[in-house]
Amino acid sequence: PNQPIWALNKSHLKYLIAYVSDKLRTKNFTGKTASHSLPAY
């Protein structure tokens, strides 16, 4: 309830699958990342 999971299109969906699948997440730049805006759940 009130916990939607959505993607803008297939490329966004591919990103989400890669993000959730990887237990050790990294970034190659300073500042916020795309995952910062994802809901906590």
Full PDB file with SEQRES, HELIX, SHEET, SSBOND, CRYST1, ORIGX, SCALE, CONECT and MASTER records, all heavy atoms in Angstrom:
SEQRES   1 A   41  PRO ASN GLN PRO ILE TRP ALA LEU ASN LYS SER HIS LEU          
SEQRES   2 A   41  LYS TYR LEU ILE ALA TYR VAL SER ASP LYS LEU ARG THR          
SEQRES   3 A   41  LYS ASN PHE THR GLY LYS THR ALA SER HIS SER LEU PRO          
SEQRES   4 A   41  ALA TYR                                                      
HELIX    1 AA1 LYS A   10  SER A   21  1                                  12    
HELIX    2 AA2 ALA A   34  SER A   37  5                                   4    
CRYST1    1.000    1.000    1.000  90.00  90.00  90.00 P 1           1          
ORIGX1      1.000000  0.000000  0.000000        0.00000                         
ORIGX2      0.000000  1.000000  0.000000        0.00000                         
ORIGX3      0.000000  0.000000  1.000000        0.00000                         
SCALE1      1.000000  0.000000  0.000000        0.00000                         
SCALE2      0.000000  1.000000  0.000000        0.00000                         
SCALE3      0.000000  0.000000  1.000000        0.00000                         
ATOM      1  N   PRO A   1       0.830  -1.209   0.000  1.00  0.00           N  
ATOM      2  CA  PRO A   1       0.000   0.000   0.000  1.00  0.00           C  
ATOM      3  C   PRO A   1       0.867   1.263   0.000  1.00  0.00           C  
ATOM      4  O   PRO A   1       1.778   1.398   0.827  1.00  0.00           O  
ATOM      5  CB  PRO A   1      -0.803  -0.128   1.306  1.00  0.00           C  
ATOM      6  CG  PRO A   1      -0.805  -1.591   1.605  1.00  0.00           C  
ATOM      7  CD  PRO A   1       0.516  -2.103   1.133  1.00  0.00           C  
ATOM      8  N   ASN A   2       0.594   2.172  -0.911  1.00  0.00           N  
ATOM      9  CA  ASN A   2       1.342   3.427  -1.036  1.00  0.00           C  
ATOM     10  C   ASN A   2       2.847   3.211  -1.230  1.00  0.00           C  
ATOM     11  O   ASN A   2       3.662   4.031  -0.809  1.00  0.00           O  
ATOM     12  CB  ASN A   2       1.105   4.333   0.174  1.00  0.00           C  
ATOM     13  CG  ASN A   2      -0.332   4.801   0.280  1.00  0.00           C  
ATOM     14  OD1 ASN A   2      -0.978   5.065  -0.736  1.00  0.00           O  
ATOM     15  ND2 ASN A   2      -0.846   4.880   1.490  1.00  0.00           N  
ATOM     16  N   GLN A   3       3.196   2.108  -1.881  1.00  0.00           N  
ATOM     17  CA  GLN A   3       4.598   1.804  -2.174  1.00  0.00           C  
ATOM     18  C   GLN A   3       4.765   1.415  -3.641  1.00  0.00           C  
ATOM     19  O   GLN A   3       5.121   0.290  -3.971  1.00  0.00           O  
ATOM     20  CB  GLN A   3       5.110   0.677  -1.273  1.00  0.00           C  
ATOM     21  CG  GLN A   3       5.210   1.050   0.199  1.00  0.00           C  
ATOM     22  CD  GLN A   3       5.815  -0.063   1.024  1.00  0.00           C  
ATOM     23  OE1 GLN A   3       5.594  -1.247   0.758  1.00  0.00           O  
ATOM     24  NE2 GLN A   3       6.571   0.292   2.040  1.00  0.00           N  
ATOM     25  N   PRO A   4       4.513   2.365  -4.546  1.00  0.00           N  
ATOM     26  CA  PRO A   4       4.625   2.040  -5.968  1.00  0.00           C  
ATOM     27  C   PRO A   4       6.081   1.865  -6.395  1.00  0.00           C  
ATOM     28  O   PRO A   4       6.988   2.461  -5.826  1.00  0.00           O  
ATOM     29  CB  PRO A   4       4.008   3.263  -6.653  1.00  0.00           C  
ATOM     30  CG  PRO A   4       4.283   4.375  -5.712  1.00  0.00           C  
ATOM     31  CD  PRO A   4       4.165   3.775  -4.332  1.00  0.00           C  
ATOM     32  N   ILE A   5       6.266   1.030  -7.374  1.00  0.00           N  
ATOM     33  CA  ILE A   5       7.568   0.868  -8.029  1.00  0.00           C  
ATOM     34  C   ILE A   5       7.320   1.121  -9.507  1.00  0.00           C  
ATOM     35  O   ILE A   5       6.484   0.464 -10.120  1.00  0.00           O  
ATOM     36  CB  ILE A   5       8.133  -0.549  -7.813  1.00  0.00           C  
ATOM     37  CG1 ILE A   5       8.327  -0.811  -6.318  1.00  0.00           C  
ATOM     38  CG2 ILE A   5       9.450  -0.731  -8.557  1.00  0.00           C  
ATOM     39  CD1 ILE A   5       8.718  -2.242  -6.005  1.00  0.00           C  
ATOM     40  N   TRP A   6       8.037   2.078 -10.060  1.00  0.00           N  
ATOM     41  CA  TRP A   6       7.778   2.438 -11.448  1.00  0.00           C  
ATOM     42  C   TRP A   6       9.065   2.856 -12.162  1.00  0.00           C  
ATOM     43  O   TRP A   6      10.068   3.193 -11.532  1.00  0.00           O  
ATOM     44  CB  TRP A   6       6.744   3.572 -11.543  1.00  0.00           C  
ATOM     45  CG  TRP A   6       7.023   4.745 -10.662  1.00  0.00           C  
ATOM     46  CD1 TRP A   6       6.529   4.977  -9.416  1.00  0.00           C  
ATOM     47  CD2 TRP A   6       7.884   5.856 -10.950  1.00  0.00           C  
ATOM     48  NE1 TRP A   6       7.019   6.154  -8.908  1.00  0.00           N  
ATOM     49  CE2 TRP A   6       7.857   6.710  -9.831  1.00  0.00           C  
ATOM     50  CE3 TRP A   6       8.675   6.208 -12.048  1.00  0.00           C  
ATOM     51  CZ2 TRP A   6       8.582   7.893  -9.777  1.00  0.00           C  
ATOM     52  CZ3 TRP A   6       9.408   7.384 -11.989  1.00  0.00           C  
ATOM     53  CH2 TRP A   6       9.355   8.212 -10.869  1.00  0.00           C  
ATOM     54  N   ALA A   7       8.994   2.787 -13.484  1.00  0.00           N  
ATOM     55  CA  ALA A   7      10.114   3.214 -14.321  1.00  0.00           C  
ATOM     56  C   ALA A   7       9.569   4.089 -15.440  1.00  0.00           C  
ATOM     57  O   ALA A   7       8.451   3.882 -15.930  1.00  0.00           O  
ATOM     58  CB  ALA A   7      10.847   2.012 -14.906  1.00  0.00           C  
ATOM     59  N   LEU A   8      10.364   5.081 -15.854  1.00  0.00           N  
ATOM     60  CA  LEU A   8       9.940   5.986 -16.925  1.00  0.00           C  
ATOM     61  C   LEU A   8       9.869   5.269 -18.266  1.00  0.00           C  
ATOM     62  O   LEU A   8       8.969   5.511 -19.064  1.00  0.00           O  
ATOM     63  CB  LEU A   8      10.909   7.170 -17.015  1.00  0.00           C  
ATOM     64  CG  LEU A   8      10.998   8.059 -15.770  1.00  0.00           C  
ATOM     65  CD1 LEU A   8      12.097   9.099 -15.940  1.00  0.00           C  
ATOM     66  CD2 LEU A   8       9.659   8.743 -15.500  1.00  0.00           C  
ATOM     67  N   ASN A   9      10.840   4.405 -18.533  1.00  0.00           N  
ATOM     68  CA  ASN A   9      10.828   3.567 -19.728  1.00  0.00           C  
ATOM     69  C   ASN A   9      11.762   2.385 -19.496  1.00  0.00           C  
ATOM     70  O   ASN A   9      12.241   2.160 -18.380  1.00  0.00           O  
ATOM     71  CB  ASN A   9      11.179   4.368 -20.995  1.00  0.00           C  
ATOM     72  CG  ASN A   9      12.602   4.892 -20.993  1.00  0.00           C  
ATOM     73  OD1 ASN A   9      13.430   4.510 -20.159  1.00  0.00           O  
ATOM     74  ND2 ASN A   9      12.906   5.773 -21.937  1.00  0.00           N  
ATOM     75  N   LYS A  10      12.063   1.619 -20.551  1.00  0.00           N  
ATOM     76  CA  LYS A  10      12.861   0.398 -20.389  1.00  0.00           C  
ATOM     77  C   LYS A  10      14.298   0.684 -19.957  1.00  0.00           C  
ATOM     78  O   LYS A  10      14.902  -0.101 -19.220  1.00  0.00           O  
ATOM     79  CB  LYS A  10      12.841  -0.413 -21.693  1.00  0.00           C  
ATOM     80  CG  LYS A  10      11.491  -1.081 -21.987  1.00  0.00           C  
ATOM     81  CD  LYS A  10      11.143  -2.091 -20.912  1.00  0.00           C  
ATOM     82  CE  LYS A  10       9.781  -2.748 -21.135  1.00  0.00           C  
ATOM     83  NZ  LYS A  10       9.833  -3.909 -22.007  1.00  0.00           N  
ATOM     84  N   SER A  11      14.869   1.797 -20.399  1.00  0.00           N  
ATOM     85  CA  SER A  11      16.239   2.122 -19.990  1.00  0.00           C  
ATOM     86  C   SER A  11      16.293   2.458 -18.501  1.00  0.00           C  
ATOM     87  O   SER A  11      17.242   2.093 -17.798  1.00  0.00           O  
ATOM     88  CB  SER A  11      16.796   3.279 -20.825  1.00  0.00           C  
ATOM     89  OG  SER A  11      16.119   4.495 -20.543  1.00  0.00           O  
ATOM     90  N   HIS A  12      15.268   3.143 -17.998  1.00  0.00           N  
ATOM     91  CA  HIS A  12      15.172   3.435 -16.569  1.00  0.00           C  
ATOM     92  C   HIS A  12      14.962   2.143 -15.783  1.00  0.00           C  
ATOM     93  O   HIS A  12      15.554   1.949 -14.709  1.00  0.00           O  
ATOM     94  CB  HIS A  12      14.016   4.410 -16.317  1.00  0.00           C  
ATOM     95  CG  HIS A  12      13.922   4.871 -14.898  1.00  0.00           C  
ATOM     96  ND1 HIS A  12      12.738   5.329 -14.350  1.00  0.00           N  
ATOM     97  CD2 HIS A  12      14.839   4.941 -13.899  1.00  0.00           C  
ATOM     98  CE1 HIS A  12      12.940   5.673 -13.092  1.00  0.00           C  
ATOM     99  NE2 HIS A  12      14.206   5.448 -12.787  1.00  0.00           N  
ATOM    100  N   LEU A  13      14.154   1.262 -16.314  1.00  0.00           N  
ATOM    101  CA  LEU A  13      13.912  -0.035 -15.665  1.00  0.00           C  
ATOM    102  C   LEU A  13      15.200  -0.844 -15.577  1.00  0.00           C  
ATOM    103  O   LEU A  13      15.496  -1.461 -14.547  1.00  0.00           O  
ATOM    104  CB  LEU A  13      12.843  -0.809 -16.442  1.00  0.00           C  
ATOM    105  CG  LEU A  13      12.486  -2.199 -15.909  1.00  0.00           C  
ATOM    106  CD1 LEU A  13      11.930  -2.116 -14.493  1.00  0.00           C  
ATOM    107  CD2 LEU A  13      11.475  -2.875 -16.835  1.00  0.00           C  
ATOM    108  N   LYS A  14      15.987  -0.814 -16.628  1.00  0.00           N  
ATOM    109  CA  LYS A  14      17.272  -1.531 -16.642  1.00  0.00           C  
ATOM    110  C   LYS A  14      18.190  -0.986 -15.546  1.00  0.00           C  
ATOM    111  O   LYS A  14      18.888  -1.744 -14.853  1.00  0.00           O  
ATOM    112  CB  LYS A  14      17.928  -1.384 -18.012  1.00  0.00           C  
ATOM    113  CG  LYS A  14      19.228  -2.153 -18.166  1.00  0.00           C  
ATOM    114  CD  LYS A  14      19.785  -1.989 -19.572  1.00  0.00           C  
ATOM    115  CE  LYS A  14      21.105  -2.736 -19.718  1.00  0.00           C  
ATOM    116  NZ  LYS A  14      21.669  -2.557 -21.100  1.00  0.00           N  
ATOM    117  N   TYR A  15      18.201   0.339 -15.388  1.00  0.00           N  
ATOM    118  CA  TYR A  15      18.999   0.962 -14.327  1.00  0.00           C  
ATOM    119  C   TYR A  15      18.540   0.488 -12.950  1.00  0.00           C  
ATOM    120  O   TYR A  15      19.361   0.140 -12.092  1.00  0.00           O  
ATOM    121  CB  TYR A  15      18.895   2.490 -14.421  1.00  0.00           C  
ATOM    122  CG  TYR A  15      19.275   3.191 -13.134  1.00  0.00           C  
ATOM    123  CD1 TYR A  15      20.607   3.418 -12.808  1.00  0.00           C  
ATOM    124  CD2 TYR A  15      18.283   3.596 -12.225  1.00  0.00           C  
ATOM    125  CE1 TYR A  15      20.947   4.032 -11.598  1.00  0.00           C  
ATOM    126  CE2 TYR A  15      18.623   4.206 -11.030  1.00  0.00           C  
ATOM    127  CZ  TYR A  15      19.954   4.424 -10.723  1.00  0.00           C  
ATOM    128  OH  TYR A  15      20.297   5.020  -9.531  1.00  0.00           O  
ATOM    129  N   LEU A  16      17.213   0.480 -12.714  1.00  0.00           N  
ATOM    130  CA  LEU A  16      16.676   0.080 -11.418  1.00  0.00           C  
ATOM    131  C   LEU A  16      17.032  -1.366 -11.079  1.00  0.00           C  
ATOM    132  O   LEU A  16      17.391  -1.685  -9.941  1.00  0.00           O  
ATOM    133  CB  LEU A  16      15.156   0.264 -11.399  1.00  0.00           C  
ATOM    134  CG  LEU A  16      14.653   1.711 -11.429  1.00  0.00           C  
ATOM    135  CD1 LEU A  16      13.137   1.742 -11.591  1.00  0.00           C  
ATOM    136  CD2 LEU A  16      15.067   2.454 -10.168  1.00  0.00           C  
ATOM    137  N   ILE A  17      16.942  -2.239 -12.081  1.00  0.00           N  
ATOM    138  CA  ILE A  17      17.290  -3.646 -11.858  1.00  0.00           C  
ATOM    139  C   ILE A  17      18.767  -3.780 -11.503  1.00  0.00           C  
ATOM    140  O   ILE A  17      19.139  -4.524 -10.587  1.00  0.00           O  
ATOM    141  CB  ILE A  17      16.939  -4.487 -13.107  1.00  0.00           C  
ATOM    142  CG1 ILE A  17      15.410  -4.569 -13.275  1.00  0.00           C  
ATOM    143  CG2 ILE A  17      17.540  -5.886 -13.008  1.00  0.00           C  
ATOM    144  CD1 ILE A  17      14.958  -5.232 -14.551  1.00  0.00           C  
ATOM    145  N   ALA A  18      19.603  -3.043 -12.207  1.00  0.00           N  
ATOM    146  CA  ALA A  18      21.046  -3.090 -11.926  1.00  0.00           C  
ATOM    147  C   ALA A  18      21.344  -2.545 -10.534  1.00  0.00           C  
ATOM    148  O   ALA A  18      22.171  -3.095  -9.798  1.00  0.00           O  
ATOM    149  CB  ALA A  18      21.809  -2.301 -12.993  1.00  0.00           C  
ATOM    150  N   TYR A  19      20.658  -1.472 -10.166  1.00  0.00           N  
ATOM    151  CA  TYR A  19      20.869  -0.854  -8.850  1.00  0.00           C  
ATOM    152  C   TYR A  19      20.463  -1.796  -7.723  1.00  0.00           C  
ATOM    153  O   TYR A  19      21.214  -2.005  -6.758  1.00  0.00           O  
ATOM    154  CB  TYR A  19      20.086   0.448  -8.742  1.00  0.00           C  
ATOM    155  CG  TYR A  19      20.081   1.042  -7.348  1.00  0.00           C  
ATOM    156  CD1 TYR A  19      21.167   1.785  -6.883  1.00  0.00           C  
ATOM    157  CD2 TYR A  19      19.004   0.833  -6.483  1.00  0.00           C  
ATOM    158  CE1 TYR A  19      21.180   2.303  -5.588  1.00  0.00           C  
ATOM    159  CE2 TYR A  19      19.002   1.354  -5.198  1.00  0.00           C  
ATOM    160  CZ  TYR A  19      20.094   2.087  -4.757  1.00  0.00           C  
ATOM    161  OH  TYR A  19      20.101   2.583  -3.481  1.00  0.00           O  
ATOM    162  N   VAL A  20      19.267  -2.363  -7.810  1.00  0.00           N  
ATOM    163  CA  VAL A  20      18.753  -3.223  -6.747  1.00  0.00           C  
ATOM    164  C   VAL A  20      19.558  -4.529  -6.673  1.00  0.00           C  
ATOM    165  O   VAL A  20      19.786  -5.064  -5.582  1.00  0.00           O  
ATOM    166  CB  VAL A  20      17.256  -3.524  -6.972  1.00  0.00           C  
ATOM    167  CG1 VAL A  20      16.739  -4.534  -5.958  1.00  0.00           C  
ATOM    168  CG2 VAL A  20      16.443  -2.244  -6.889  1.00  0.00           C  
ATOM    169  N   SER A  21      20.025  -5.024  -7.816  1.00  0.00           N  
ATOM    170  CA  SER A  21      20.754  -6.293  -7.845  1.00  0.00           C  
ATOM    171  C   SER A  21      22.127  -6.194  -7.211  1.00  0.00           C  
ATOM    172  O   SER A  21      22.630  -7.168  -6.636  1.00  0.00           O  
ATOM    173  CB  SER A  21      20.910  -6.779  -9.297  1.00  0.00           C  
ATOM    174  OG  SER A  21      19.654  -7.000  -9.894  1.00  0.00           O  
ATOM    175  N   ASP A  22      22.763  -5.025  -7.314  1.00  0.00           N  
ATOM    176  CA  ASP A  22      24.135  -4.863  -6.848  1.00  0.00           C  
ATOM    177  C   ASP A  22      24.174  -4.515  -5.366  1.00  0.00           C  
ATOM    178  O   ASP A  22      23.602  -3.520  -4.937  1.00  0.00           O  
ATOM    179  CB  ASP A  22      24.837  -3.767  -7.657  1.00  0.00           C  
ATOM    180  CG  ASP A  22      26.349  -3.900  -7.596  1.00  0.00           C  
ATOM    181  OD1 ASP A  22      26.879  -4.130  -6.499  1.00  0.00           O  
ATOM    182  OD2 ASP A  22      26.994  -3.763  -8.647  1.00  0.00           O  
ATOM    183  N   LYS A  23      24.877  -5.327  -4.584  1.00  0.00           N  
ATOM    184  CA  LYS A  23      24.965  -5.099  -3.140  1.00  0.00           C  
ATOM    185  C   LYS A  23      26.063  -4.099  -2.785  1.00  0.00           C  
ATOM    186  O   LYS A  23      26.075  -3.544  -1.692  1.00  0.00           O  
ATOM    187  CB  LYS A  23      25.209  -6.421  -2.414  1.00  0.00           C  
ATOM    188  CG  LYS A  23      24.077  -7.427  -2.579  1.00  0.00           C  
ATOM    189  CD  LYS A  23      24.375  -8.725  -1.841  1.00  0.00           C  
ATOM    190  CE  LYS A  23      23.242  -9.728  -2.049  1.00  0.00           C  
ATOM    191  NZ  LYS A  23      23.513 -11.009  -1.349  1.00  0.00           N  
ATOM    192  N   LEU A  24      27.007  -3.882  -3.704  1.00  0.00           N  
ATOM    193  CA  LEU A  24      28.102  -2.958  -3.456  1.00  0.00           C  
ATOM    194  C   LEU A  24      28.046  -1.855  -4.505  1.00  0.00           C  
ATOM    195  O   LEU A  24      28.581  -2.001  -5.603  1.00  0.00           O  
ATOM    196  CB  LEU A  24      29.447  -3.683  -3.514  1.00  0.00           C  
ATOM    197  CG  LEU A  24      30.679  -2.887  -3.083  1.00  0.00           C  
ATOM    198  CD1 LEU A  24      30.546  -2.477  -1.614  1.00  0.00           C  
ATOM    199  CD2 LEU A  24      31.953  -3.688  -3.304  1.00  0.00           C  
ATOM    200  N   ARG A  25      27.372  -0.748  -4.179  1.00  0.00           N  
ATOM    201  CA  ARG A  25      27.116   0.315  -5.151  1.00  0.00           C  
ATOM    202  C   ARG A  25      28.173   1.399  -5.062  1.00  0.00           C  
ATOM    203  O   ARG A  25      28.558   1.817  -3.976  1.00  0.00           O  
ATOM    204  CB  ARG A  25      25.731   0.914  -4.918  1.00  0.00           C  
ATOM    205  CG  ARG A  25      24.623  -0.118  -5.105  1.00  0.00           C  
ATOM    206  CD  ARG A  25      23.397   0.206  -4.295  1.00  0.00           C  
ATOM    207  NE  ARG A  25      22.407  -0.871  -4.374  1.00  0.00           N  
ATOM    208  CZ  ARG A  25      21.401  -1.019  -3.520  1.00  0.00           C  
ATOM    209  NH1 ARG A  25      21.249  -0.173  -2.531  1.00  0.00           N  
ATOM    210  NH2 ARG A  25      20.562  -2.018  -3.662  1.00  0.00           N  
ATOM    211  N   THR A  26      28.641   1.858  -6.223  1.00  0.00           N  
ATOM    212  CA  THR A  26      29.685   2.888  -6.261  1.00  0.00           C  
ATOM    213  C   THR A  26      29.285   3.995  -7.223  1.00  0.00           C  
ATOM    214  O   THR A  26      28.341   3.868  -8.001  1.00  0.00           O  
ATOM    215  CB  THR A  26      31.028   2.301  -6.732  1.00  0.00           C  
ATOM    216  OG1 THR A  26      30.859   1.742  -8.048  1.00  0.00           O  
ATOM    217  CG2 THR A  26      31.516   1.226  -5.783  1.00  0.00           C  
ATOM    218  N   LYS A  27      30.029   5.113  -7.180  1.00  0.00           N  
ATOM    219  CA  LYS A  27      29.842   6.211  -8.120  1.00  0.00           C  
ATOM    220  C   LYS A  27      31.219   6.743  -8.486  1.00  0.00           C  
ATOM    221  O   LYS A  27      32.178   6.602  -7.738  1.00  0.00           O  
ATOM    222  CB  LYS A  27      28.971   7.309  -7.532  1.00  0.00           C  
ATOM    223  CG  LYS A  27      29.529   7.982  -6.277  1.00  0.00           C  
ATOM    224  CD  LYS A  27      28.579   9.061  -5.780  1.00  0.00           C  
ATOM    225  CE  LYS A  27      29.150   9.763  -4.553  1.00  0.00           C  
ATOM    226  NZ  LYS A  27      28.265  10.845  -4.072  1.00  0.00           N  
ATOM    227  N   ASN A  28      31.321   7.357  -9.668  1.00  0.00           N  
ATOM    228  CA  ASN A  28      32.620   7.845 -10.123  1.00  0.00           C  
ATOM    229  C   ASN A  28      32.657   9.372 -10.215  1.00  0.00           C  
ATOM    230  O   ASN A  28      33.345   9.940 -11.046  1.00  0.00           O  
ATOM    231  CB  ASN A  28      32.989   7.222 -11.479  1.00  0.00           C  
ATOM    232  CG  ASN A  28      31.936   7.476 -12.544  1.00  0.00           C  
ATOM    233  OD1 ASN A  28      30.989   8.220 -12.308  1.00  0.00           O  
ATOM    234  ND2 ASN A  28      32.100   6.869 -13.707  1.00  0.00           N  
ATOM    235  N   PHE A  29      31.866  10.041  -9.343  1.00  0.00           N  
ATOM    236  CA  PHE A  29      31.815  11.494  -9.325  1.00  0.00           C  
ATOM    237  C   PHE A  29      31.374  11.938  -7.936  1.00  0.00           C  
ATOM    238  O   PHE A  29      30.901  11.144  -7.132  1.00  0.00           O  
ATOM    239  CB  PHE A  29      30.844  12.030 -10.390  1.00  0.00           C  
ATOM    240  CG  PHE A  29      29.450  11.472 -10.248  1.00  0.00           C  
ATOM    241  CD1 PHE A  29      28.499  12.133  -9.485  1.00  0.00           C  
ATOM    242  CD2 PHE A  29      29.104  10.282 -10.858  1.00  0.00           C  
ATOM    243  CE1 PHE A  29      27.238  11.611  -9.337  1.00  0.00           C  
ATOM    244  CE2 PHE A  29      27.826   9.753 -10.706  1.00  0.00           C  
ATOM    245  CZ  PHE A  29      26.897  10.420  -9.947  1.00  0.00           C  
ATOM    246  N   THR A  30      31.550  13.230  -7.650  1.00  0.00           N  
ATOM    247  CA  THR A  30      31.095  13.760  -6.364  1.00  0.00           C  
ATOM    248  C   THR A  30      29.662  14.266  -6.496  1.00  0.00           C  
ATOM    249  O   THR A  30      29.210  14.605  -7.584  1.00  0.00           O  
ATOM    250  CB  THR A  30      32.003  14.915  -5.904  1.00  0.00           C  
ATOM    251  OG1 THR A  30      31.999  15.945  -6.902  1.00  0.00           O  
ATOM    252  CG2 THR A  30      33.422  14.426  -5.686  1.00  0.00           C  
ATOM    253  N   GLY A  31      28.944  14.334  -5.393  1.00  0.00           N  
ATOM    254  CA  GLY A  31      27.569  14.838  -5.420  1.00  0.00           C  
ATOM    255  C   GLY A  31      26.551  13.716  -5.350  1.00  0.00           C  
ATOM    256  O   GLY A  31      26.873  12.534  -5.249  1.00  0.00           O  
ATOM    257  N   LYS A  32      25.271  14.100  -5.426  1.00  0.00           N  
ATOM    258  CA  LYS A  32      24.177  13.140  -5.327  1.00  0.00           C  
ATOM    259  C   LYS A  32      24.099  12.265  -6.580  1.00  0.00           C  
ATOM    260  O   LYS A  32      24.501  12.663  -7.661  1.00  0.00           O  
ATOM    261  CB  LYS A  32      22.849  13.882  -5.141  1.00  0.00           C  
ATOM    262  CG  LYS A  32      22.728  14.619  -3.817  1.00  0.00           C  
ATOM    263  CD  LYS A  32      21.382  15.327  -3.714  1.00  0.00           C  
ATOM    264  CE  LYS A  32      21.246  16.083  -2.407  1.00  0.00           C  
ATOM    265  NZ  LYS A  32      19.946  16.782  -2.314  1.00  0.00           N  
ATOM    266  N   THR A  33      23.536  11.093  -6.400  1.00  0.00           N  
ATOM    267  CA  THR A  33      23.354  10.152  -7.502  1.00  0.00           C  
ATOM    268  C   THR A  33      21.869   9.978  -7.815  1.00  0.00           C  
ATOM    269  O   THR A  33      21.002  10.430  -7.071  1.00  0.00           O  
ATOM    270  CB  THR A  33      23.952   8.780  -7.153  1.00  0.00           C  
ATOM    271  OG1 THR A  33      23.269   8.271  -5.996  1.00  0.00           O  
ATOM    272  CG2 THR A  33      25.441   8.886  -6.848  1.00  0.00           C  
ATOM    273  N   ALA A  34      21.580   9.288  -8.915  1.00  0.00           N  
ATOM    274  CA  ALA A  34      20.196   9.067  -9.328  1.00  0.00           C  
ATOM    275  C   ALA A  34      19.410   8.285  -8.272  1.00  0.00           C  
ATOM    276  O   ALA A  34      18.214   8.494  -8.099  1.00  0.00           O  
ATOM    277  CB  ALA A  34      20.163   8.329 -10.661  1.00  0.00           C  
ATOM    278  N   SER A  35      20.083   7.401  -7.560  1.00  0.00           N  
ATOM    279  CA  SER A  35      19.402   6.590  -6.547  1.00  0.00           C  
ATOM    280  C   SER A  35      19.003   7.406  -5.322  1.00  0.00           C  
ATOM    281  O   SER A  35      18.195   6.940  -4.508  1.00  0.00           O  
ATOM    282  CB  SER A  35      20.302   5.429  -6.114  1.00  0.00           C  
ATOM    283  OG  SER A  35      21.499   5.913  -5.544  1.00  0.00           O  
ATOM    284  N   HIS A  36      19.537   8.625  -5.188  1.00  0.00           N  
ATOM    285  CA  HIS A  36      19.226   9.465  -4.025  1.00  0.00           C  
ATOM    286  C   HIS A  36      17.726   9.742  -3.912  1.00  0.00           C  
ATOM    287  O   HIS A  36      17.186   9.862  -2.808  1.00  0.00           O  
ATOM    288  CB  HIS A  36      19.990  10.790  -4.119  1.00  0.00           C  
ATOM    289  CG  HIS A  36      19.801  11.692  -2.937  1.00  0.00           C  
ATOM    290  ND1 HIS A  36      20.517  11.542  -1.767  1.00  0.00           N  
ATOM    291  CD2 HIS A  36      18.951  12.746  -2.719  1.00  0.00           C  
ATOM    292  CE1 HIS A  36      20.134  12.458  -0.894  1.00  0.00           C  
ATOM    293  NE2 HIS A  36      19.190  13.194  -1.437  1.00  0.00           N  
ATOM    294  N   SER A  37      17.041   9.844  -5.039  1.00  0.00           N  
ATOM    295  CA  SER A  37      15.616  10.182  -5.025  1.00  0.00           C  
ATOM    296  C   SER A  37      14.705   8.956  -4.951  1.00  0.00           C  
ATOM    297  O   SER A  37      13.482   9.092  -4.911  1.00  0.00           O  
ATOM    298  CB  SER A  37      15.262  10.996  -6.280  1.00  0.00           C  
ATOM    299  OG  SER A  37      15.548  10.248  -7.454  1.00  0.00           O  
ATOM    300  N   LEU A  38      15.290   7.766  -4.923  1.00  0.00           N  
ATOM    301  CA  LEU A  38      14.459   6.563  -4.811  1.00  0.00           C  
ATOM    302  C   LEU A  38      13.865   6.464  -3.411  1.00  0.00           C  
ATOM    303  O   LEU A  38      14.517   6.813  -2.424  1.00  0.00           O  
ATOM    304  CB  LEU A  38      15.300   5.318  -5.091  1.00  0.00           C  
ATOM    305  CG  LEU A  38      15.772   5.106  -6.529  1.00  0.00           C  
ATOM    306  CD1 LEU A  38      16.681   3.885  -6.608  1.00  0.00           C  
ATOM    307  CD2 LEU A  38      14.583   4.945  -7.472  1.00  0.00           C  
ATOM    308  N   PRO A  39      12.634   5.971  -3.304  1.00  0.00           N  
ATOM    309  CA  PRO A  39      12.031   5.813  -1.967  1.00  0.00           C  
ATOM    310  C   PRO A  39      12.797   4.793  -1.135  1.00  0.00           C  
ATOM    311  O   PRO A  39      13.411   3.862  -1.669  1.00  0.00           O  
ATOM    312  CB  PRO A  39      10.604   5.353  -2.271  1.00  0.00           C  
ATOM    313  CG  PRO A  39      10.584   4.953  -3.696  1.00  0.00           C  
ATOM    314  CD  PRO A  39      11.707   5.610  -4.386  1.00  0.00           C  
ATOM    315  N   ALA A  40      12.741   4.954   0.166  1.00  0.00           N  
ATOM    316  CA  ALA A  40      13.511   4.111   1.079  1.00  0.00           C  
ATOM    317  C   ALA A  40      13.165   2.632   0.931  1.00  0.00           C  
ATOM    318  O   ALA A  40      14.045   1.764   1.037  1.00  0.00           O  
ATOM    319  CB  ALA A  40      13.282   4.568   2.519  1.00  0.00           C  
ATOM    320  N   TYR A  41      11.897   2.313   0.678  1.00  0.00           N  
ATOM    321  CA  TYR A  41      11.510   0.906   0.607  1.00  0.00           C  
ATOM    322  C   TYR A  41      12.127   0.186  -0.587  1.00  0.00           C  
ATOM    323  O   TYR A  41      12.236  -1.047  -0.587  1.00  0.00           O  
ATOM    324  CB  TYR A  41       9.974   0.757   0.597  1.00  0.00           C  
ATOM    325  CG  TYR A  41       9.245   1.527  -0.477  1.00  0.00           C  
ATOM    326  CD1 TYR A  41       9.110   1.025  -1.758  1.00  0.00           C  
ATOM    327  CD2 TYR A  41       8.671   2.759  -0.197  1.00  0.00           C  
ATOM    328  CE1 TYR A  41       8.422   1.724  -2.744  1.00  0.00           C  
ATOM    329  CE2 TYR A  41       7.991   3.472  -1.174  1.00  0.00           C  
ATOM    330  CZ  TYR A  41       7.868   2.947  -2.442  1.00  0.00           C  
ATOM    331  OH  TYR A  41       7.205   3.655  -3.416  1.00  0.00           O  
TER     332      TYR A  41                                                      
MASTER        0    0    0    2    0    0    0    6  331    1    0    4          
END                                                                             
